Amino acid sequence: MRKIEYLLITYGESHQNSMNKLIHWLCIPAILFSLVGLLMQFPIPLLKPVSLWINWGTIVMILASIYYFLVSPQLAIGFILVFSAMIWGNLRVDNLCKSNNMDTRLILLIIFVISWIGQFIGHYIEGKKPSFFQDLQYLLVGPVWLLSFVYKKIGLKY
């Protein structure tokens, strides 16, 4: 069995309940979006002001992409597309917040916290602990677990 198949199967074992799955479909993208956005807000010490292309958000996503390439190059390509959309979306959110005198970091932090609360509610409903309690690697598996369903739906192999 390929490593990606093992990871997706074991991750899926604690995600059988339909309500938990629905919550994950909402909360995992929101967590990832808000995390990327929050990390994009903080400058790298030698690169002030914050750069669109080189910031903590893009560095973390590049490192995550390397991990995804190691477990499934096909899913990594999809993840890079998702990551690109998240950068674009976060730039739009930042512009919207600035034009309305709102604190982008606060908005993203609220999304992040509410989404994590949602995840834990989903696991409470499921009656199983989140997979990352077993192995932190599963924090990276969640997003590609969702992406694997999209791949199956449109007939792409991973």
C-alpha atoms as a PDB file:
ATOM      1  CA  MET A   1       0.000   0.000   0.000  1.00  0.00           C
ATOM      2  CA  ARG A   2       1.300   3.436  -0.928  1.00  0.00           C
ATOM      3  CA  LYS A   3       1.926   5.864   1.922  1.00  0.00           C
ATOM      4  CA  ILE A   4      -0.756   8.300   0.730  1.00  0.00           C
ATOM      5  CA  GLU A   5      -3.351   5.525   0.679  1.00  0.00           C
ATOM      6  CA  TYR A   6      -2.408   4.486   4.217  1.00  0.00           C
ATOM      7  CA  LEU A   7      -2.586   8.093   5.455  1.00  0.00           C
ATOM      8  CA  LEU A   8      -5.974   8.748   3.840  1.00  0.00           C
ATOM      9  CA  ILE A   9      -7.449   5.472   5.128  1.00  0.00           C
ATOM     10  CA  THR A  10      -6.216   5.969   8.681  1.00  0.00           C
ATOM     11  CA  TYR A  11      -7.325   9.623   8.659  1.00  0.00           C
ATOM     12  CA  GLY A  12     -10.723   8.557   7.365  1.00  0.00           C
ATOM     13  CA  GLU A  13     -11.190   6.090  10.236  1.00  0.00           C
ATOM     14  CA  SER A  14     -11.963   8.959  12.605  1.00  0.00           C
ATOM     15  CA  HIS A  15     -14.140  10.719  10.028  1.00  0.00           C
ATOM     16  CA  GLN A  16     -17.045   8.352   9.357  1.00  0.00           C
ATOM     17  CA  ASN A  17     -19.970  10.338  10.759  1.00  0.00           C
ATOM     18  CA  SER A  18     -21.727  12.398   8.076  1.00  0.00           C
ATOM     19  CA  MET A  19     -22.040  15.476  10.330  1.00  0.00           C
ATOM     20  CA  ASN A  20     -18.335  15.296  11.227  1.00  0.00           C
ATOM     21  CA  LYS A  21     -17.483  15.034   7.531  1.00  0.00           C
ATOM     22  CA  LEU A  22     -19.642  18.066   6.720  1.00  0.00           C
ATOM     23  CA  ILE A  23     -18.025  20.049   9.516  1.00  0.00           C
ATOM     24  CA  HIS A  24     -14.592  19.079   8.181  1.00  0.00           C
ATOM     25  CA  TRP A  25     -15.566  20.169   4.652  1.00  0.00           C
ATOM     26  CA  LEU A  26     -16.334  23.607   6.080  1.00  0.00           C
ATOM     27  CA  CYS A  27     -13.690  23.927   8.774  1.00  0.00           C
ATOM     28  CA  ILE A  28     -10.528  22.474   7.189  1.00  0.00           C
ATOM     29  CA  PRO A  29     -10.567  24.975   4.296  1.00  0.00           C
ATOM     30  CA  ALA A  30     -11.413  27.789   6.730  1.00  0.00           C
ATOM     31  CA  ILE A  31      -8.548  26.805   9.046  1.00  0.00           C
ATOM     32  CA  LEU A  32      -6.110  26.569   6.155  1.00  0.00           C
ATOM     33  CA  PHE A  33      -7.317  29.843   4.630  1.00  0.00           C
ATOM     34  CA  SER A  34      -7.098  31.741   7.918  1.00  0.00           C
ATOM     35  CA  LEU A  35      -3.736  30.208   8.838  1.00  0.00           C
ATOM     36  CA  VAL A  36      -2.218  31.155   5.488  1.00  0.00           C
ATOM     37  CA  GLY A  37      -3.716  34.633   5.810  1.00  0.00           C
ATOM     38  CA  LEU A  38      -2.429  35.113   9.340  1.00  0.00           C
ATOM     39  CA  LEU A  39       1.051  33.964   8.382  1.00  0.00           C
ATOM     40  CA  MET A  40       1.014  36.296   5.370  1.00  0.00           C
ATOM     41  CA  GLN A  41       0.465  39.223   7.744  1.00  0.00           C
ATOM     42  CA  PHE A  42       3.764  38.804   9.551  1.00  0.00           C
ATOM     43  CA  PRO A  43       6.959  39.973   7.879  1.00  0.00           C
ATOM     44  CA  ILE A  44      10.127  37.971   7.627  1.00  0.00           C
ATOM     45  CA  PRO A  45      12.605  40.059   9.653  1.00  0.00           C
ATOM     46  CA  LEU A  46      14.943  40.780   6.744  1.00  0.00           C
ATOM     47  CA  LEU A  47      12.115  41.528   4.292  1.00  0.00           C
ATOM     48  CA  LYS A  48      10.095  44.438   5.634  1.00  0.00           C
ATOM     49  CA  PRO A  49       7.438  45.330   4.649  1.00  0.00           C
ATOM     50  CA  VAL A  50       5.511  42.087   4.122  1.00  0.00           C
ATOM     51  CA  SER A  51       6.181  40.722   0.646  1.00  0.00           C
ATOM     52  CA  LEU A  52       3.392  39.219  -1.449  1.00  0.00           C
ATOM     53  CA  TRP A  53       5.621  36.352  -2.596  1.00  0.00           C
ATOM     54  CA  ILE A  54       8.007  35.812   0.289  1.00  0.00           C
ATOM     55  CA  ASN A  55       6.241  35.710   3.635  1.00  0.00           C
ATOM     56  CA  TRP A  56       5.596  33.169   6.376  1.00  0.00           C
ATOM     57  CA  GLY A  57       2.406  32.009   4.632  1.00  0.00           C
ATOM     58  CA  THR A  58       4.140  31.164   1.358  1.00  0.00           C
ATOM     59  CA  ILE A  59       7.085  29.567   3.161  1.00  0.00           C
ATOM     60  CA  VAL A  60       4.786  27.278   5.164  1.00  0.00           C
ATOM     61  CA  MET A  61       2.821  26.380   2.017  1.00  0.00           C
ATOM     62  CA  ILE A  62       6.019  25.627   0.096  1.00  0.00           C
ATOM     63  CA  LEU A  63       7.115  23.297   2.907  1.00  0.00           C
ATOM     64  CA  ALA A  64       3.661  21.669   2.932  1.00  0.00           C
ATOM     65  CA  SER A  65       3.857  21.282  -0.861  1.00  0.00           C
ATOM     66  CA  ILE A  66       7.181  19.484  -0.532  1.00  0.00           C
ATOM     67  CA  TYR A  67       5.580  17.071   1.945  1.00  0.00           C
ATOM     68  CA  TYR A  68       2.651  16.539  -0.452  1.00  0.00           C
ATOM     69  CA  PHE A  69       5.027  15.876  -3.360  1.00  0.00           C
ATOM     70  CA  LEU A  70       6.709  13.211  -1.270  1.00  0.00           C
ATOM     71  CA  VAL A  71       3.435  11.387  -0.550  1.00  0.00           C
ATOM     72  CA  SER A  72       1.568  12.116  -3.825  1.00  0.00           C
ATOM     73  CA  PRO A  73       2.809  14.374  -6.636  1.00  0.00           C
ATOM     74  CA  GLN A  74      -0.676  14.413  -8.163  1.00  0.00           C
ATOM     75  CA  LEU A  75      -2.295  15.682  -4.960  1.00  0.00           C
ATOM     76  CA  ALA A  76       0.559  18.176  -4.532  1.00  0.00           C
ATOM     77  CA  ILE A  77      -0.331  19.769  -7.861  1.00  0.00           C
ATOM     78  CA  GLY A  78      -3.939  20.161  -6.734  1.00  0.00           C
ATOM     79  CA  PHE A  79      -2.812  21.534  -3.408  1.00  0.00           C
ATOM     80  CA  ILE A  80      -0.659  24.155  -5.151  1.00  0.00           C
ATOM     81  CA  LEU A  81      -3.751  25.294  -7.059  1.00  0.00           C
ATOM     82  CA  VAL A  82      -5.713  25.482  -3.788  1.00  0.00           C
ATOM     83  CA  PHE A  83      -2.830  27.311  -2.143  1.00  0.00           C
ATOM     84  CA  SER A  84      -2.723  29.842  -4.991  1.00  0.00           C
ATOM     85  CA  ALA A  85      -6.457  30.476  -4.618  1.00  0.00           C
ATOM     86  CA  MET A  86      -5.955  30.977  -0.875  1.00  0.00           C
ATOM     87  CA  ILE A  87      -3.260  33.575  -1.444  1.00  0.00           C
ATOM     88  CA  TRP A  88      -5.535  35.406  -3.884  1.00  0.00           C
ATOM     89  CA  GLY A  89      -8.467  35.177  -1.462  1.00  0.00           C
ATOM     90  CA  ASN A  90      -6.400  36.401   1.453  1.00  0.00           C
ATOM     91  CA  LEU A  91      -5.194  39.378  -0.564  1.00  0.00           C
ATOM     92  CA  ARG A  92      -8.852  40.226  -1.294  1.00  0.00           C
ATOM     93  CA  VAL A  93      -9.775  39.871   2.394  1.00  0.00           C
ATOM     94  CA  ASP A  94      -6.841  42.072   3.399  1.00  0.00           C
ATOM     95  CA  ASN A  95      -7.843  44.759   0.877  1.00  0.00           C
ATOM     96  CA  LEU A  96     -11.479  44.597   2.005  1.00  0.00           C
ATOM     97  CA  CYS A  97     -10.521  44.869   5.676  1.00  0.00           C
ATOM     98  CA  LYS A  98      -8.174  47.792   5.053  1.00  0.00           C
ATOM     99  CA  SER A  99     -10.746  49.659   2.983  1.00  0.00           C
ATOM    100  CA  ASN A 100     -13.273  49.251   5.835  1.00  0.00           C
ATOM    101  CA  ASN A 101     -10.839  50.072   8.664  1.00  0.00           C
ATOM    102  CA  MET A 102     -10.989  46.516  10.000  1.00  0.00           C
ATOM    103  CA  ASP A 103      -8.142  44.490  11.467  1.00  0.00           C
ATOM    104  CA  THR A 104      -7.340  41.667   9.023  1.00  0.00           C
ATOM    105  CA  ARG A 105      -5.474  39.691  11.674  1.00  0.00           C
ATOM    106  CA  LEU A 106      -8.430  39.806  14.054  1.00  0.00           C
ATOM    107  CA  ILE A 107     -10.883  38.657  11.361  1.00  0.00           C
ATOM    108  CA  LEU A 108      -8.601  35.766  10.361  1.00  0.00           C
ATOM    109  CA  LEU A 109      -7.974  34.820  13.989  1.00  0.00           C
ATOM    110  CA  ILE A 110     -11.730  34.675  14.624  1.00  0.00           C
ATOM    111  CA  ILE A 111     -12.182  32.406  11.568  1.00  0.00           C
ATOM    112  CA  PHE A 112      -9.296  30.215  12.757  1.00  0.00           C
ATOM    113  CA  VAL A 113     -10.622  29.812  16.321  1.00  0.00           C
ATOM    114  CA  ILE A 114     -14.254  29.231  15.296  1.00  0.00           C
ATOM    115  CA  SER A 115     -13.149  26.651  12.729  1.00  0.00           C
ATOM    116  CA  TRP A 116     -11.078  24.737  15.282  1.00  0.00           C
ATOM    117  CA  ILE A 117     -14.020  24.763  17.677  1.00  0.00           C
ATOM    118  CA  GLY A 118     -16.097  23.336  14.822  1.00  0.00           C
ATOM    119  CA  GLN A 119     -13.534  20.585  14.255  1.00  0.00           C
ATOM    120  CA  PHE A 120     -13.650  19.552  17.908  1.00  0.00           C
ATOM    121  CA  ILE A 121     -17.458  19.592  17.869  1.00  0.00           C
ATOM    122  CA  GLY A 122     -17.329  17.309  14.832  1.00  0.00           C
ATOM    123  CA  HIS A 123     -15.046  14.887  16.637  1.00  0.00           C
ATOM    124  CA  TYR A 124     -17.260  15.023  19.726  1.00  0.00           C
ATOM    125  CA  ILE A 125     -20.191  14.025  17.491  1.00  0.00           C
ATOM    126  CA  GLU A 126     -18.036  11.320  15.899  1.00  0.00           C
ATOM    127  CA  GLY A 127     -16.942  10.028  19.286  1.00  0.00           C
ATOM    128  CA  LYS A 128     -13.307   9.806  18.201  1.00  0.00           C
ATOM    129  CA  LYS A 129     -10.268  11.953  18.856  1.00  0.00           C
ATOM    130  CA  PRO A 130      -8.770  13.966  15.988  1.00  0.00           C
ATOM    131  CA  SER A 131      -6.121  12.015  14.058  1.00  0.00           C
ATOM    132  CA  PHE A 132      -3.395  14.543  14.810  1.00  0.00           C
ATOM    133  CA  PHE A 133      -3.521  13.475  18.486  1.00  0.00           C
ATOM    134  CA  GLN A 134      -2.037  10.194  17.195  1.00  0.00           C
ATOM    135  CA  ASP A 135       0.480  11.805  14.823  1.00  0.00           C
ATOM    136  CA  LEU A 136       0.993  15.509  14.011  1.00  0.00           C
ATOM    137  CA  GLN A 137       1.503  14.526  10.368  1.00  0.00           C
ATOM    138  CA  TYR A 138      -2.298  14.285  10.135  1.00  0.00           C
ATOM    139  CA  LEU A 139      -2.562  18.068  10.370  1.00  0.00           C
ATOM    140  CA  LEU A 140      -1.187  18.000   6.815  1.00  0.00           C
ATOM    141  CA  VAL A 141      -3.312  15.040   5.745  1.00  0.00           C
ATOM    142  CA  GLY A 142      -6.674  16.740   6.400  1.00  0.00           C
ATOM    143  CA  PRO A 143      -6.520  19.112   3.424  1.00  0.00           C
ATOM    144  CA  VAL A 144      -5.446  16.388   0.974  1.00  0.00           C
ATOM    145  CA  TRP A 145      -8.041  14.023   2.431  1.00  0.00           C
ATOM    146  CA  LEU A 146     -10.662  16.489   1.198  1.00  0.00           C
ATOM    147  CA  LEU A 147      -8.822  16.985  -2.086  1.00  0.00           C
ATOM    148  CA  SER A 148      -8.747  13.212  -2.630  1.00  0.00           C
ATOM    149  CA  PHE A 149     -12.573  13.216  -2.718  1.00  0.00           C
ATOM    150  CA  VAL A 150     -12.508  15.946  -5.365  1.00  0.00           C
ATOM    151  CA  TYR A 151      -9.994  13.921  -7.395  1.00  0.00           C
ATOM    152  CA  LYS A 152     -12.213  10.811  -7.175  1.00  0.00           C
ATOM    153  CA  LYS A 153     -15.285  12.827  -8.195  1.00  0.00           C
ATOM    154  CA  ILE A 154     -13.634  14.168 -11.361  1.00  0.00           C
ATOM    155  CA  GLY A 155     -11.816  10.910 -12.141  1.00  0.00           C
ATOM    156  CA  LEU A 156      -8.215  11.906 -11.379  1.00  0.00           C
ATOM    157  CA  LYS A 157      -5.743   9.433  -9.919  1.00  0.00           C
ATOM    158  CA  TYR A 158      -3.550  10.291  -6.970  1.00  0.00           C
END
